[in-house]
Structure formats: structure tokens, C-alpha cells
Amino acid sequence: MSRAMAEAMLEDAEPKPRKPGKVKRCSFAGLGLHDWLSEQCRSMGLTQPTPIQQYCIPPILRGHDCIGCAKTGSGKTAAFALPILQKLSEDPYGIFCLVLTPTRELAFQIGDQFRVLGKPIGVRDSVIVGGFDMIRQGLELSKKPHVVISTPGRLADHIKSTDTCDLRKIKFLVLDEADRLLEGNFGPDLEVIFDAIPTVRQTLLFSATITDTMKELQKVSMSKPFFWMSKAPVVTVEQLDQRYCITPAQVKDAYLMHIVHQFCSEDEKRSVMIFTSTCKYCHMLAIMLREMGLPCVSLHSLVKQRTRLAALAMFKSNQVRVLVATDVASRGLDIPTVQLVINHNIPASPKDYVHRVGRTARAGRGGMAISLVTQFDVQLIKAIEKLINTKLTEFKVDEKKNVLPILNEVALAKRQAEMKLEELDFGEKRAINKRKQMILEGKDPDEEEKKKHKLLKKRRREHQKGEGASTSTAPVS
């Protein structure tokens, strides 16, 4: 990210940085929020603000820019949504606020929270992400909703290709999961967006992890934005029971099947998220689970957007109790019923582990995370323990009693899953990687493919016209 971009993001705040310290817990009204917002929080079961809400809401209400960093499940969305809604109620117009987020699912979730919290004032929001018709989205934007929540790629497409997206009067720019937005592949799209928004605005950055890029923002900004970072010695919550399970690599899937089956059979209301590293293995695990009688859905970047949303809705409503996902689902998603997160593979980055296990034990609830550890993962586990300042405890499985009896069944289910993947051409790595890259950039692969075909057709027509013209003017022998 360029220095100029960093300066542009946070150049207008009033310089009153504060450091986090010990303060007495107070009510939402005590933070300066209007009665209707406090009442709306109470109706949702939010009785006391979380630390990030308590520290960040007052300076945002006073007009400061803000960088907020706290562990997952700490209420970051409400920390920016509540003061924005209050300011909107005082001067309602559209488009008042722009929220950028790296994933589509998180965009819809943020939209839901704005809608619920802003119900008393009839807030209108619009979620602009890939996978949906651009013309309809353009019509939504032309109606000037109060809040626009978008992925960078799709919003940049609207700015470049239509005149319906007028962001010249926004008062708030929010970057949720800011570390991923600033350090990912979103740079070109962010530049397009920053050119379309006013320099006089409030900029709010929120994330679960602090990065060098975010630290640099604080340094280069002339405004000295309000900066708050949780001082907790660990980056995972106390209510999270973190375990590891030693398993030979060749029978890891059998261990997984046993743990999932045991967990689900103990309580029919429990739900499980399984994280794995690749789209292919994610899809295969989901098929394996279904072959073994465990209904589940999968969530990864190669699934079409409508299917992803439908799968997420089924999991949230407890219609299915198992979700297999890649790291596309590891950030921000709040699914209250998740009691267990299983790491089928250990992520190479300890911070990715933090985001994954943060899908459970949220907002004061308990939860468990089990990481399947092979002989190749020992150093990765040590790096994770160093980051979270916590020793993982062992989750023991009786291999002879619980794993060996199901080995053949699991092997058969895996073979059937592999055959189905072959039928789907899941092994075409080049196409897969290209599609993943587009999604990381906030673009919709299906629509990009349509654009490509339209462009090819146009070029063919132009070429044919050119050939026809040259033929008609050629001399007759």
C-alpha cells in the first residue's frame, strides 16, 4: 500500500489519541448514544457495551477517525454501526456511509446488523457484492441508500462503468477486517474508490489483528487518529477450550469423522465448523460427510454466490449442523450456534488460526477448538501457542476403539468423493486458481467470463466487418 493512499485514508481526524486503560463498565446511554439506540440494544439483548465499543464509540461520536483492534467476537461491528446510525439520524441522507469488507458473506452480515440496529429510523442499506446482477445493483445505488456495504472489486466496477454510484457526499468510510483489505490484492480497487469519495470524512478501521500496514497508517497520518487496541495478553477468548488431537496423517480423515459424529450425537443442537486449506479438499470432505450420513454444506471460493448464501443460511438456521469451509469463512461471520471448530489442517499463519477458532466462543459464550495435528505440524502448533500465549491441551481419541472400526467405511466414502470430484473437473488447477484470484479481488468469476465472451464476440464482428470492407474495395481482375 502506498504512503499517499495511507495519508488519504486518515487525513481529516481531530488529533486526540487515547490509550486504553481500566475504566468502569457503563451503559450504552453513558457512551453518549441516544435513547432510541440504547433501547434498540436492550431489545437485542445487548445490556452492556464491550470494551471496544466503550472505548471507540465516544471518540467516533466526537468526530474522530478511529483504528480499533480487538479479538474476534468482541462486538466490532456495533462499535462503528451505533455511532454512524446516531449521526445518520441527526442528518439523514444517502449515501451517508460506505463500508468495505473483503468477503461477500461478511458484507451481508454487516448489512443485517445495520438493518436491525437502525430499524427505529428506517435505515436503508444496500449490499453490493459480486455474484449478483449489476443492473439491479445500479438501480439500488441510484436510489441513494443510507448505507452501502460492499466488496472493493464490485464497487470499483460500478464506479468505473456506471454513473449511478455517487459517493461524493459520504460522511463515513469504514474498512472492516482492515488488515486483510490493506494487505491483500485490493490495492487497485481501493484507489478507484478513494478517488470517488470526499477527502473530508471520518475513516474507521476495525480488525481482529494489528498489522504493520495498520501501524504505518497511524504513523503517516497527519491527523493522529484515535487508536485502540485490546491489551489482553491473549488473542483468543478465555471461554474457548483449545485442544489438539495427535493423528497419523494417513488416517486423519477417520479421526475427523469420529470427532464430528461423537460431538453431534451428544447434543442434537450442536453445530460444527470444519476448516481446511483448499477448495478441493473442502468440497471432498463435505461429500465424505454426506456419504457417511452426516448432512453438511460447504463454503469456499469456487461455490457460486447464491449457493454460498443458501448454504450459510441453512447452517445458521440449524437445518444442517456441519459446515466445511476454507478461510473464506474464517473472518467476521457471527454464527451463535457454533460450539466446535475443527482445524482439519493447521494454517501456516498463526493469525489465521486465531480467525478460524474465533468462529466459536463469541460474545461471552463457551466453545471448543480441536486441531488435528500430524507429525508435520508440530512447529506450526508451537508458533500458534506462542502467539496466543496459551498451551493447547490434548484431546485424546482411543484409536483402537473408535478409529480402526471405521477406517474401511471412511476410505470407501473418500474414494466415492474423489470420483465425484473427478466428474466435476475439480482437478483443473489453473482454472481454480484464476477463479480464486478473481474472488480475492472482489470480482465475480461468472460475470468476468461473460464479459470475456462478449468482448470476443465484439472483436469477431469488428474483424468480419473489416474483412468485408476490404473485400468490397478490392480491384476486380
Foldseek 3Di string as FASTA:
>chain_A
DDLVLLQLQFAAFAADADEDDDDDWDFPVVLVADPLLSVLCVVVVNGTAFVQLSPQQNSVLVPFAEEEAAFFQRPPLCSPLRSQLRVCVVPPFFCAEEEEEQAQVLLVVSVVVNCSSNVVVPAFEEEFFALDDPVVSLVVLLVGGPYYYYYLQRVLVCLVPHPSHQQANYAEYEYEQVVCCVPDPQVVSVVSVSVRYDSRHHYYYYHHDDDPVNVVSCVSHPNNGHYYYDPDLFSADPLEAEAEEEDAPVQLLLVVLLVVVVVCVVDVLAAEEEEEADPLVLQLSQQLCVLVPAHAEEAELVDRPVSNVVRVVCCLVSVHRYYYYYLSPLADDARARHAEYEYSAQDQDLVSVSSNSSNYCHPNDHHYYYYYDYPVCPVSQVVNCVRRVHDHHYDYDDCVPRRVVCRVVSVVSSVVSVVVCVVVVVVPVVVVVVSVVCSSNRYHPVVVVVVVVVVVVVVVVVVVVVVVVVVVPDDDD
